[in-house]
């Protein structure tokens, strides 16, 4: 299992320092030996793909991925242009994470339609994959798009696409058309008994390589007496499951009831044991979302660094 970091919106830094701080964090992750660095598209925050292009210029070995870009906000040709440009900036180290987001973002915040997201994703990928085959004219027509557009950004290059696939239809699409899935709020049982078997079988039937299963997992190194408080805190700051029916349906396949229950928390042995259980469930890539604990900024920074140092030290054991 490859070990990477997933970051979020950084409220500890001043707005003017957030982009430069993100670049510093990516460089530090690479120096520490992490294999990947995942950036979500947080509503109202830094644009993930713009940031990734800059991180690609500031690093040399680190895979850098979006986790994830909502497809409703960008036409597939516009996204293809941006993704190809980003891949050039990253020297081939960019992984494009895509998702259909949630109704409360797409409809309530953006005023767009959130109807039949699985159909939209399938149609979107038909255009996107055609655009990634190389320079030329993209001709693709389906229920969602009528595209006859030139694309001339770069020569053909690998473009790993990872889908936020939570339901059975999305998992089938991911297995048939992408490099794998990137998950959030999925515990070991949900992954091992539901996600991994479905996407792996679909990929095999489609003649595709074994899919990557990237799991976003909250992590906090702390005393075992602090674990319950850490789980509650993680659910509060990372968003409760009841915000989205998609997450609630995923949780039905596992033992967790909220994001805090998916967390690897406790002392060194407790965290390592939990991470190994994710590996054994079929996770190929861990995207560790460090949850810093403490009453003030200084304490939280120390907690974050302590957890990251431990994760870097145990990568060989996973």
C-alpha atoms as a PDB file:
ATOM      1  CA  UNK A   1       0.000   0.000   0.000  1.00  0.00           C
ATOM      2  CA  UNK A   2       1.417   3.351  -1.062  1.00  0.00           C
ATOM      3  CA  UNK A   3       1.236   6.127   1.529  1.00  0.00           C
ATOM      4  CA  UNK A   4       0.285   9.670   0.624  1.00  0.00           C
ATOM      5  CA  UNK A   5      -1.192  12.732   2.282  1.00  0.00           C
ATOM      6  CA  UNK A   6      -4.540  14.405   1.687  1.00  0.00           C
ATOM      7  CA  UNK A   7      -4.822  18.072   2.602  1.00  0.00           C
ATOM      8  CA  UNK A   8      -7.837  20.315   3.086  1.00  0.00           C
ATOM      9  CA  UNK A   9      -8.573  23.974   3.537  1.00  0.00           C
ATOM     10  CA  UNK A  10      -5.953  25.471   5.838  1.00  0.00           C
ATOM     11  CA  UNK A  11      -7.555  27.790   8.399  1.00  0.00           C
ATOM     12  CA  UNK A  12      -4.355  28.070  10.428  1.00  0.00           C
ATOM     13  CA  UNK A  13      -2.576  30.112   7.746  1.00  0.00           C
ATOM     14  CA  UNK A  14      -3.423  33.632   6.644  1.00  0.00           C
ATOM     15  CA  UNK A  15      -5.071  33.745   3.216  1.00  0.00           C
ATOM     16  CA  UNK A  16      -1.979  35.338   1.690  1.00  0.00           C
ATOM     17  CA  UNK A  17       0.155  32.410   2.891  1.00  0.00           C
ATOM     18  CA  UNK A  18      -2.069  29.496   1.913  1.00  0.00           C
ATOM     19  CA  UNK A  19      -0.738  28.843  -1.580  1.00  0.00           C
ATOM     20  CA  UNK A  20       2.919  29.245  -0.645  1.00  0.00           C
ATOM     21  CA  UNK A  21       2.272  27.113   2.431  1.00  0.00           C
ATOM     22  CA  UNK A  22       0.704  24.397   0.279  1.00  0.00           C
ATOM     23  CA  UNK A  23       3.775  24.353  -1.932  1.00  0.00           C
ATOM     24  CA  UNK A  24       5.990  24.055   1.136  1.00  0.00           C
ATOM     25  CA  UNK A  25       3.831  21.198   2.434  1.00  0.00           C
ATOM     26  CA  UNK A  26       4.142  19.306  -0.851  1.00  0.00           C
ATOM     27  CA  UNK A  27       7.908  19.706  -0.893  1.00  0.00           C
ATOM     28  CA  UNK A  28       8.082  18.480   2.698  1.00  0.00           C
ATOM     29  CA  UNK A  29       5.891  15.480   1.836  1.00  0.00           C
ATOM     30  CA  UNK A  30       8.199  14.562  -1.026  1.00  0.00           C
ATOM     31  CA  UNK A  31      11.295  14.958   1.146  1.00  0.00           C
ATOM     32  CA  UNK A  32       9.703  12.746   3.811  1.00  0.00           C
ATOM     33  CA  UNK A  33       9.167   9.946   1.307  1.00  0.00           C
ATOM     34  CA  UNK A  34       5.387  10.095   0.782  1.00  0.00           C
ATOM     35  CA  UNK A  35       4.332   8.811  -2.630  1.00  0.00           C
ATOM     36  CA  UNK A  36       1.357  11.096  -3.288  1.00  0.00           C
ATOM     37  CA  UNK A  37      -0.308  14.353  -2.331  1.00  0.00           C
ATOM     38  CA  UNK A  38      -4.072  14.793  -2.758  1.00  0.00           C
ATOM     39  CA  UNK A  39      -5.909  18.118  -2.942  1.00  0.00           C
ATOM     40  CA  UNK A  40      -9.713  18.392  -2.763  1.00  0.00           C
ATOM     41  CA  UNK A  41     -11.752  21.002  -4.596  1.00  0.00           C
ATOM     42  CA  UNK A  42     -13.125  22.722  -1.485  1.00  0.00           C
ATOM     43  CA  UNK A  43     -16.015  25.135  -2.190  1.00  0.00           C
ATOM     44  CA  UNK A  44     -14.766  28.706  -2.087  1.00  0.00           C
ATOM     45  CA  UNK A  45     -11.134  27.766  -1.474  1.00  0.00           C
ATOM     46  CA  UNK A  46      -7.996  27.481  -3.636  1.00  0.00           C
ATOM     47  CA  UNK A  47      -8.589  25.972  -7.066  1.00  0.00           C
ATOM     48  CA  UNK A  48      -7.206  22.461  -6.871  1.00  0.00           C
ATOM     49  CA  UNK A  49      -5.914  22.031 -10.416  1.00  0.00           C
ATOM     50  CA  UNK A  50      -4.245  25.437 -10.531  1.00  0.00           C
ATOM     51  CA  UNK A  51      -2.503  24.598  -7.273  1.00  0.00           C
ATOM     52  CA  UNK A  52      -1.513  21.166  -8.575  1.00  0.00           C
ATOM     53  CA  UNK A  53       0.120  22.692 -11.651  1.00  0.00           C
ATOM     54  CA  UNK A  54       2.238  24.876  -9.370  1.00  0.00           C
ATOM     55  CA  UNK A  55       3.087  21.934  -7.105  1.00  0.00           C
ATOM     56  CA  UNK A  56       4.185  19.978 -10.153  1.00  0.00           C
ATOM     57  CA  UNK A  57       6.786  22.627 -10.862  1.00  0.00           C
ATOM     58  CA  UNK A  58       7.959  22.657  -7.251  1.00  0.00           C
ATOM     59  CA  UNK A  59       8.400  18.878  -6.830  1.00  0.00           C
ATOM     60  CA  UNK A  60      10.190  16.111  -8.719  1.00  0.00           C
ATOM     61  CA  UNK A  61       8.843  12.688  -7.731  1.00  0.00           C
ATOM     62  CA  UNK A  62       5.543  13.168  -5.904  1.00  0.00           C
ATOM     63  CA  UNK A  63       2.306  12.052  -7.540  1.00  0.00           C
ATOM     64  CA  UNK A  64      -0.187  14.907  -7.166  1.00  0.00           C
ATOM     65  CA  UNK A  65      -3.902  14.302  -7.469  1.00  0.00           C
ATOM     66  CA  UNK A  66      -7.237  16.079  -7.282  1.00  0.00           C
ATOM     67  CA  UNK A  67      -9.653  14.566  -4.788  1.00  0.00           C
ATOM     68  CA  UNK A  68     -11.958  15.443  -6.421  1.00  0.00           C
ATOM     69  CA  UNK A  69     -13.051  17.869  -9.161  1.00  0.00           C
ATOM     70  CA  UNK A  70     -16.871  18.082  -9.508  1.00  0.00           C
ATOM     71  CA  UNK A  71     -17.810  17.529 -13.143  1.00  0.00           C
ATOM     72  CA  UNK A  72     -20.910  19.740 -13.193  1.00  0.00           C
ATOM     73  CA  UNK A  73     -18.870  22.938 -12.980  1.00  0.00           C
ATOM     74  CA  UNK A  74     -16.590  22.342 -15.997  1.00  0.00           C
ATOM     75  CA  UNK A  75     -17.342  21.257 -19.555  1.00  0.00           C
ATOM     76  CA  UNK A  76     -15.364  18.100 -20.358  1.00  0.00           C
ATOM     77  CA  UNK A  77     -13.404  19.822 -23.144  1.00  0.00           C
ATOM     78  CA  UNK A  78     -12.446  22.686 -20.828  1.00  0.00           C
ATOM     79  CA  UNK A  79     -11.445  20.185 -18.163  1.00  0.00           C
ATOM     80  CA  UNK A  80      -9.448  18.162 -20.695  1.00  0.00           C
ATOM     81  CA  UNK A  81      -7.485  21.273 -21.671  1.00  0.00           C
ATOM     82  CA  UNK A  82      -6.777  22.092 -18.042  1.00  0.00           C
ATOM     83  CA  UNK A  83      -5.923  18.505 -17.116  1.00  0.00           C
ATOM     84  CA  UNK A  84      -3.521  18.078 -20.024  1.00  0.00           C
ATOM     85  CA  UNK A  85      -1.849  21.372 -19.197  1.00  0.00           C
ATOM     86  CA  UNK A  86      -1.607  20.309 -15.558  1.00  0.00           C
ATOM     87  CA  UNK A  87      -0.103  16.975 -16.588  1.00  0.00           C
ATOM     88  CA  UNK A  88       2.571  18.826 -18.557  1.00  0.00           C
ATOM     89  CA  UNK A  89       3.319  20.997 -15.535  1.00  0.00           C
ATOM     90  CA  UNK A  90       3.625  17.881 -13.373  1.00  0.00           C
ATOM     91  CA  UNK A  91       5.837  15.972 -15.781  1.00  0.00           C
ATOM     92  CA  UNK A  92       3.364  13.090 -15.965  1.00  0.00           C
ATOM     93  CA  UNK A  93       2.763  12.871 -12.199  1.00  0.00           C
ATOM     94  CA  UNK A  94      -0.824  14.163 -12.118  1.00  0.00           C
ATOM     95  CA  UNK A  95      -3.805  11.944 -11.231  1.00  0.00           C
ATOM     96  CA  UNK A  96      -7.196  13.374 -12.154  1.00  0.00           C
ATOM     97  CA  UNK A  97      -9.778  12.681  -9.469  1.00  0.00           C
ATOM     98  CA  UNK A  98     -13.362  13.321 -10.583  1.00  0.00           C
ATOM     99  CA  UNK A  99     -16.730  13.139  -8.873  1.00  0.00           C
ATOM    100  CA  UNK A 100     -20.336  14.219  -9.136  1.00  0.00           C
ATOM    101  CA  UNK A 101     -20.172  16.101  -5.817  1.00  0.00           C
ATOM    102  CA  UNK A 102     -23.314  16.426  -3.668  1.00  0.00           C
ATOM    103  CA  UNK A 103     -26.720  17.997  -4.103  1.00  0.00           C
ATOM    104  CA  UNK A 104     -26.097  20.597  -1.407  1.00  0.00           C
ATOM    105  CA  UNK A 105     -23.094  21.899  -3.346  1.00  0.00           C
ATOM    106  CA  UNK A 106     -24.317  21.551  -6.931  1.00  0.00           C
ATOM    107  CA  UNK A 107     -27.894  22.689  -6.372  1.00  0.00           C
ATOM    108  CA  UNK A 108     -27.905  24.756  -3.190  1.00  0.00           C
ATOM    109  CA  UNK A 109     -24.572  26.549  -3.582  1.00  0.00           C
ATOM    110  CA  UNK A 110     -24.150  26.721  -7.353  1.00  0.00           C
ATOM    111  CA  UNK A 111     -27.718  26.648  -8.633  1.00  0.00           C
ATOM    112  CA  UNK A 112     -26.999  23.823 -11.094  1.00  0.00           C
ATOM    113  CA  UNK A 113     -28.952  20.663 -11.784  1.00  0.00           C
ATOM    114  CA  UNK A 114     -28.116  17.500  -9.832  1.00  0.00           C
ATOM    115  CA  UNK A 115     -30.037  14.915 -11.813  1.00  0.00           C
ATOM    116  CA  UNK A 116     -28.971  11.380 -12.733  1.00  0.00           C
ATOM    117  CA  UNK A 117     -25.338  11.936 -11.737  1.00  0.00           C
ATOM    118  CA  UNK A 118     -24.236   8.461 -12.829  1.00  0.00           C
ATOM    119  CA  UNK A 119     -25.520   9.026 -16.364  1.00  0.00           C
ATOM    120  CA  UNK A 120     -23.800  12.413 -16.442  1.00  0.00           C
ATOM    121  CA  UNK A 121     -20.519  10.824 -15.320  1.00  0.00           C
ATOM    122  CA  UNK A 122     -20.678   8.142 -18.003  1.00  0.00           C
ATOM    123  CA  UNK A 123     -21.369  10.744 -20.696  1.00  0.00           C
ATOM    124  CA  UNK A 124     -18.693  13.067 -19.337  1.00  0.00           C
ATOM    125  CA  UNK A 125     -16.055  10.327 -19.433  1.00  0.00           C
ATOM    126  CA  UNK A 126     -16.955   9.500 -23.034  1.00  0.00           C
ATOM    127  CA  UNK A 127     -15.943  13.030 -24.038  1.00  0.00           C
ATOM    128  CA  UNK A 128     -13.005  13.259 -21.666  1.00  0.00           C
ATOM    129  CA  UNK A 129     -11.406   9.967 -22.664  1.00  0.00           C
ATOM    130  CA  UNK A 130     -11.766  10.896 -26.329  1.00  0.00           C
ATOM    131  CA  UNK A 131      -9.993  14.191 -25.638  1.00  0.00           C
ATOM    132  CA  UNK A 132      -7.133  12.363 -23.918  1.00  0.00           C
ATOM    133  CA  UNK A 133      -6.352  10.122 -26.904  1.00  0.00           C
ATOM    134  CA  UNK A 134      -4.236  12.828 -28.506  1.00  0.00           C
ATOM    135  CA  UNK A 135      -4.282  15.939 -30.680  1.00  0.00           C
ATOM    136  CA  UNK A 136      -7.109  16.132 -33.172  1.00  0.00           C
ATOM    137  CA  UNK A 137     -10.838  16.627 -33.270  1.00  0.00           C
ATOM    138  CA  UNK A 138     -12.994  15.278 -30.463  1.00  0.00           C
ATOM    139  CA  UNK A 139     -16.260  13.971 -31.875  1.00  0.00           C
ATOM    140  CA  UNK A 140     -18.598  12.729 -29.181  1.00  0.00           C
ATOM    141  CA  UNK A 141     -22.369  12.896 -28.906  1.00  0.00           C
ATOM    142  CA  UNK A 142     -24.559  11.521 -26.136  1.00  0.00           C
ATOM    143  CA  UNK A 143     -27.517  12.527 -23.994  1.00  0.00           C
ATOM    144  CA  UNK A 144     -25.474  15.190 -22.200  1.00  0.00           C
ATOM    145  CA  UNK A 145     -22.981  16.558 -24.737  1.00  0.00           C
ATOM    146  CA  UNK A 146     -22.661  17.254 -28.460  1.00  0.00           C
ATOM    147  CA  UNK A 147     -18.960  17.873 -28.972  1.00  0.00           C
ATOM    148  CA  UNK A 148     -17.042  18.488 -32.202  1.00  0.00           C
ATOM    149  CA  UNK A 149     -14.041  20.352 -30.902  1.00  0.00           C
ATOM    150  CA  UNK A 150     -10.308  20.518 -31.582  1.00  0.00           C
ATOM    151  CA  UNK A 151      -7.844  19.548 -28.864  1.00  0.00           C
ATOM    152  CA  UNK A 152      -4.189  20.390 -29.371  1.00  0.00           C
ATOM    153  CA  UNK A 153      -2.538  20.664 -25.954  1.00  0.00           C
ATOM    154  CA  UNK A 154       0.013  17.855 -25.942  1.00  0.00           C
ATOM    155  CA  UNK A 155       1.040  14.574 -27.460  1.00  0.00           C
ATOM    156  CA  UNK A 156      -0.773  11.515 -26.060  1.00  0.00           C
ATOM    157  CA  UNK A 157       0.249  10.902 -22.468  1.00  0.00           C
ATOM    158  CA  UNK A 158      -0.997   8.756 -19.593  1.00  0.00           C
ATOM    159  CA  UNK A 159      -3.841  10.416 -17.712  1.00  0.00           C
ATOM    160  CA  UNK A 160      -4.934   8.358 -14.687  1.00  0.00           C
ATOM    161  CA  UNK A 161      -8.575   9.088 -13.873  1.00  0.00           C
ATOM    162  CA  UNK A 162      -9.877   8.140 -10.441  1.00  0.00           C
ATOM    163  CA  UNK A 163     -13.592   8.369  -9.727  1.00  0.00           C
ATOM    164  CA  UNK A 164     -15.310   9.098  -6.471  1.00  0.00           C
ATOM    165  CA  UNK A 165     -17.444   5.972  -6.837  1.00  0.00           C
ATOM    166  CA  UNK A 166     -19.733   5.179  -3.915  1.00  0.00           C
ATOM    167  CA  UNK A 167     -22.733   3.376  -5.426  1.00  0.00           C
ATOM    168  CA  UNK A 168     -22.885   0.234  -7.581  1.00  0.00           C
ATOM    169  CA  UNK A 169     -23.486   2.079 -10.848  1.00  0.00           C
ATOM    170  CA  UNK A 170     -20.598   4.455 -10.218  1.00  0.00           C
ATOM    171  CA  UNK A 171     -18.328   1.563  -9.292  1.00  0.00           C
ATOM    172  CA  UNK A 172     -19.254  -0.170 -12.541  1.00  0.00           C
ATOM    173  CA  UNK A 173     -18.454   2.980 -14.540  1.00  0.00           C
ATOM    174  CA  UNK A 174     -15.158   3.393 -12.681  1.00  0.00           C
ATOM    175  CA  UNK A 175     -14.157  -0.191 -13.376  1.00  0.00           C
ATOM    176  CA  UNK A 176     -15.042   0.055 -17.054  1.00  0.00           C
ATOM    177  CA  UNK A 177     -13.629   3.477 -17.908  1.00  0.00           C
ATOM    178  CA  UNK A 178     -11.092   4.695 -15.337  1.00  0.00           C
ATOM    179  CA  UNK A 179      -7.963   3.738 -13.421  1.00  0.00           C
ATOM    180  CA  UNK A 180      -9.831   3.226 -10.155  1.00  0.00           C
ATOM    181  CA  UNK A 181     -11.670   4.960  -7.373  1.00  0.00           C
ATOM    182  CA  UNK A 182     -10.900   7.479  -4.667  1.00  0.00           C
ATOM    183  CA  UNK A 183     -12.951   7.070  -1.505  1.00  0.00           C
ATOM    184  CA  UNK A 184     -14.014   9.020   1.545  1.00  0.00           C
ATOM    185  CA  UNK A 185     -16.002   7.681   4.524  1.00  0.00           C
ATOM    186  CA  UNK A 186     -15.355   4.094   3.521  1.00  0.00           C
ATOM    187  CA  UNK A 187     -14.181   1.786   6.296  1.00  0.00           C
ATOM    188  CA  UNK A 188     -12.455  -1.566   5.890  1.00  0.00           C
ATOM    189  CA  UNK A 189     -15.657  -3.605   5.690  1.00  0.00           C
ATOM    190  CA  UNK A 190     -17.181  -1.311   3.062  1.00  0.00           C
ATOM    191  CA  UNK A 191     -14.003  -1.502   1.003  1.00  0.00           C
ATOM    192  CA  UNK A 192     -13.242  -5.194   1.433  1.00  0.00           C
ATOM    193  CA  UNK A 193     -16.777  -6.558   1.021  1.00  0.00           C
ATOM    194  CA  UNK A 194     -18.365  -3.995  -1.291  1.00  0.00           C
ATOM    195  CA  UNK A 195     -16.068  -1.581  -3.145  1.00  0.00           C
ATOM    196  CA  UNK A 196     -13.052  -3.743  -3.986  1.00  0.00           C
ATOM    197  CA  UNK A 197     -14.917  -6.818  -5.270  1.00  0.00           C
ATOM    198  CA  UNK A 198     -17.255  -4.802  -7.480  1.00  0.00           C
ATOM    199  CA  UNK A 199     -14.731  -2.507  -9.118  1.00  0.00           C
ATOM    200  CA  UNK A 200     -12.120  -5.248  -9.510  1.00  0.00           C
ATOM    201  CA  UNK A 201     -14.543  -7.659 -11.182  1.00  0.00           C
ATOM    202  CA  UNK A 202     -15.848  -4.960 -13.507  1.00  0.00           C
ATOM    203  CA  UNK A 203     -12.345  -3.925 -14.537  1.00  0.00           C
ATOM    204  CA  UNK A 204     -11.402  -7.541 -15.232  1.00  0.00           C
ATOM    205  CA  UNK A 205     -14.526  -8.084 -17.349  1.00  0.00           C
ATOM    206  CA  UNK A 206     -13.679  -4.938 -19.306  1.00  0.00           C
ATOM    207  CA  UNK A 207     -10.129  -6.163 -19.921  1.00  0.00           C
ATOM    208  CA  UNK A 208      -8.626  -3.355 -17.866  1.00  0.00           C
ATOM    209  CA  UNK A 209      -5.768  -3.564 -15.332  1.00  0.00           C
ATOM    210  CA  UNK A 210      -6.549  -4.076 -11.667  1.00  0.00           C
ATOM    211  CA  UNK A 211      -7.981  -0.764 -10.412  1.00  0.00           C
ATOM    212  CA  UNK A 212      -6.390   1.501  -7.868  1.00  0.00           C
ATOM    213  CA  UNK A 213      -8.377   1.943  -4.679  1.00  0.00           C
ATOM    214  CA  UNK A 214      -7.375   5.207  -3.023  1.00  0.00           C
ATOM    215  CA  UNK A 215      -8.824   5.585   0.466  1.00  0.00           C
ATOM    216  CA  UNK A 216      -8.997   8.931   2.206  1.00  0.00           C
ATOM    217  CA  UNK A 217      -8.567   8.098   5.883  1.00  0.00           C
ATOM    218  CA  UNK A 218      -8.372  10.556   8.796  1.00  0.00           C
ATOM    219  CA  UNK A 219      -5.327   9.915  10.994  1.00  0.00           C
ATOM    220  CA  UNK A 220      -4.292  11.291  14.375  1.00  0.00           C
ATOM    221  CA  UNK A 221      -1.448  10.107  16.589  1.00  0.00           C
ATOM    222  CA  UNK A 222      -2.570  10.607  20.178  1.00  0.00           C
ATOM    223  CA  UNK A 223      -2.959   8.751  23.447  1.00  0.00           C
ATOM    224  CA  UNK A 224      -5.480   5.930  23.440  1.00  0.00           C
ATOM    225  CA  UNK A 225      -7.467   7.816  26.067  1.00  0.00           C
ATOM    226  CA  UNK A 226      -8.021  10.611  23.518  1.00  0.00           C
ATOM    227  CA  UNK A 227      -9.371   8.417  20.731  1.00  0.00           C
ATOM    228  CA  UNK A 228     -13.097   8.977  21.330  1.00  0.00           C
ATOM    229  CA  UNK A 229     -12.629  12.743  21.467  1.00  0.00           C
ATOM    230  CA  UNK A 230     -10.482  12.614  18.328  1.00  0.00           C
ATOM    231  CA  UNK A 231     -13.185  10.715  16.436  1.00  0.00           C
ATOM    232  CA  UNK A 232     -15.859  13.192  17.488  1.00  0.00           C
ATOM    233  CA  UNK A 233     -13.646  16.102  16.509  1.00  0.00           C
ATOM    234  CA  UNK A 234     -12.898  14.559  13.114  1.00  0.00           C
ATOM    235  CA  UNK A 235     -16.594  14.177  12.356  1.00  0.00           C
ATOM    236  CA  UNK A 236     -17.200  17.804  13.335  1.00  0.00           C
ATOM    237  CA  UNK A 237     -14.402  19.359  11.285  1.00  0.00           C
ATOM    238  CA  UNK A 238     -14.514  17.057   8.250  1.00  0.00           C
ATOM    239  CA  UNK A 239     -18.282  17.005   7.740  1.00  0.00           C
ATOM    240  CA  UNK A 240     -20.916  14.644   9.065  1.00  0.00           C
ATOM    241  CA  UNK A 241     -22.197  11.816   6.877  1.00  0.00           C
ATOM    242  CA  UNK A 242     -25.797  13.021   7.050  1.00  0.00           C
ATOM    243  CA  UNK A 243     -24.836  15.933   4.793  1.00  0.00           C
ATOM    244  CA  UNK A 244     -24.991  13.541   1.848  1.00  0.00           C
ATOM    245  CA  UNK A 245     -27.232  10.572   0.983  1.00  0.00           C
ATOM    246  CA  UNK A 246     -24.316   9.211  -1.075  1.00  0.00           C
ATOM    247  CA  UNK A 247     -22.187   8.791   2.040  1.00  0.00           C
ATOM    248  CA  UNK A 248     -25.067   7.334   4.035  1.00  0.00           C
ATOM    249  CA  UNK A 249     -25.579   4.631   1.402  1.00  0.00           C
ATOM    250  CA  UNK A 250     -21.859   3.831   1.446  1.00  0.00           C
ATOM    251  CA  UNK A 251     -21.813   3.599   5.235  1.00  0.00           C
ATOM    252  CA  UNK A 252     -24.546   0.969   5.066  1.00  0.00           C
ATOM    253  CA  UNK A 253     -21.955  -1.416   3.604  1.00  0.00           C
ATOM    254  CA  UNK A 254     -19.546  -0.982   6.513  1.00  0.00           C
ATOM    255  CA  UNK A 255     -19.416  -0.666  10.276  1.00  0.00           C
ATOM    256  CA  UNK A 256     -18.844   3.094  10.468  1.00  0.00           C
ATOM    257  CA  UNK A 257     -21.658   5.553  11.111  1.00  0.00           C
ATOM    258  CA  UNK A 258     -19.670   8.757  10.506  1.00  0.00           C
ATOM    259  CA  UNK A 259     -16.283   9.873   9.233  1.00  0.00           C
ATOM    260  CA  UNK A 260     -14.748   9.690  12.710  1.00  0.00           C
ATOM    261  CA  UNK A 261     -15.376   5.949  12.770  1.00  0.00           C
ATOM    262  CA  UNK A 262     -13.114   5.494   9.748  1.00  0.00           C
ATOM    263  CA  UNK A 263     -10.258   7.214  11.555  1.00  0.00           C
ATOM    264  CA  UNK A 264      -6.909   5.667  12.465  1.00  0.00           C
ATOM    265  CA  UNK A 265      -6.370   7.184  15.907  1.00  0.00           C
ATOM    266  CA  UNK A 266      -4.440   6.362  19.049  1.00  0.00           C
ATOM    267  CA  UNK A 267      -0.857   5.476  19.832  1.00  0.00           C
ATOM    268  CA  UNK A 268       1.657   4.203  17.306  1.00  0.00           C
ATOM    269  CA  UNK A 269       0.564   0.587  17.475  1.00  0.00           C
ATOM    270  CA  UNK A 270      -3.145   1.437  17.259  1.00  0.00           C
ATOM    271  CA  UNK A 271      -2.667   3.625  14.176  1.00  0.00           C
ATOM    272  CA  UNK A 272      -0.435   1.069  12.458  1.00  0.00           C
ATOM    273  CA  UNK A 273      -2.894  -1.750  13.152  1.00  0.00           C
ATOM    274  CA  UNK A 274      -5.797   0.228  11.706  1.00  0.00           C
ATOM    275  CA  UNK A 275      -3.856   1.193   8.601  1.00  0.00           C
ATOM    276  CA  UNK A 276      -2.862  -2.431   8.025  1.00  0.00           C
ATOM    277  CA  UNK A 277      -6.542  -3.362   8.138  1.00  0.00           C
ATOM    278  CA  UNK A 278      -7.201  -0.919   5.303  1.00  0.00           C
ATOM    279  CA  UNK A 279      -4.355  -2.477   3.345  1.00  0.00           C
ATOM    280  CA  UNK A 280      -5.746  -5.952   3.922  1.00  0.00           C
ATOM    281  CA  UNK A 281      -9.185  -4.802   2.748  1.00  0.00           C
ATOM    282  CA  UNK A 282      -7.757  -3.980  -0.670  1.00  0.00           C
ATOM    283  CA  UNK A 283      -6.617  -0.367  -0.437  1.00  0.00           C
ATOM    284  CA  UNK A 284      -3.766   0.248  -2.863  1.00  0.00           C
ATOM    285  CA  UNK A 285      -3.148   3.888  -1.932  1.00  0.00           C
ATOM    286  CA  UNK A 286      -3.689   5.531   1.445  1.00  0.00           C
ATOM    287  CA  UNK A 287      -4.488   9.242   1.317  1.00  0.00           C
ATOM    288  CA  UNK A 288      -3.963  10.104   4.972  1.00  0.00           C
ATOM    289  CA  UNK A 289      -5.913  13.153   6.105  1.00  0.00           C
ATOM    290  CA  UNK A 290      -4.000  14.220   9.207  1.00  0.00           C
ATOM    291  CA  UNK A 291      -6.331  15.633  11.860  1.00  0.00           C
ATOM    292  CA  UNK A 292      -4.269  17.861  14.161  1.00  0.00           C
ATOM    293  CA  UNK A 293      -5.378  17.897  17.786  1.00  0.00           C
ATOM    294  CA  UNK A 294      -4.830  20.582  20.382  1.00  0.00           C
ATOM    295  CA  UNK A 295      -6.301  23.620  22.066  1.00  0.00           C
ATOM    296  CA  UNK A 296      -4.349  26.182  20.034  1.00  0.00           C
ATOM    297  CA  UNK A 297      -2.491  26.633  16.780  1.00  0.00           C
ATOM    298  CA  UNK A 298       0.895  25.737  18.252  1.00  0.00           C
ATOM    299  CA  UNK A 299      -0.394  22.484  19.703  1.00  0.00           C
ATOM    300  CA  UNK A 300      -2.207  21.569  16.500  1.00  0.00           C
ATOM    301  CA  UNK A 301       0.891  22.205  14.398  1.00  0.00           C
ATOM    302  CA  UNK A 302       2.945  19.985  16.693  1.00  0.00           C
ATOM    303  CA  UNK A 303       0.250  17.283  16.481  1.00  0.00           C
ATOM    304  CA  UNK A 304       0.184  17.436  12.678  1.00  0.00           C
ATOM    305  CA  UNK A 305       3.953  17.179  12.365  1.00  0.00           C
ATOM    306  CA  UNK A 306       4.106  14.325  14.864  1.00  0.00           C
ATOM    307  CA  UNK A 307       1.473  12.348  12.972  1.00  0.00           C
ATOM    308  CA  UNK A 308       3.085  12.992   9.583  1.00  0.00           C
ATOM    309  CA  UNK A 309       6.505  11.948  10.833  1.00  0.00           C
ATOM    310  CA  UNK A 310       5.060   8.714  12.154  1.00  0.00           C
ATOM    311  CA  UNK A 311       3.256   7.986   8.878  1.00  0.00           C
ATOM    312  CA  UNK A 312       6.460   8.549   6.920  1.00  0.00           C
ATOM    313  CA  UNK A 313       8.358   6.235   9.264  1.00  0.00           C
ATOM    314  CA  UNK A 314       5.954   3.288   8.873  1.00  0.00           C
ATOM    315  CA  UNK A 315       5.454   3.401   5.116  1.00  0.00           C
ATOM    316  CA  UNK A 316       7.779   0.416   4.717  1.00  0.00           C
ATOM    317  CA  UNK A 317       5.560  -1.584   7.116  1.00  0.00           C
ATOM    318  CA  UNK A 318       2.479  -1.078   4.973  1.00  0.00           C
END
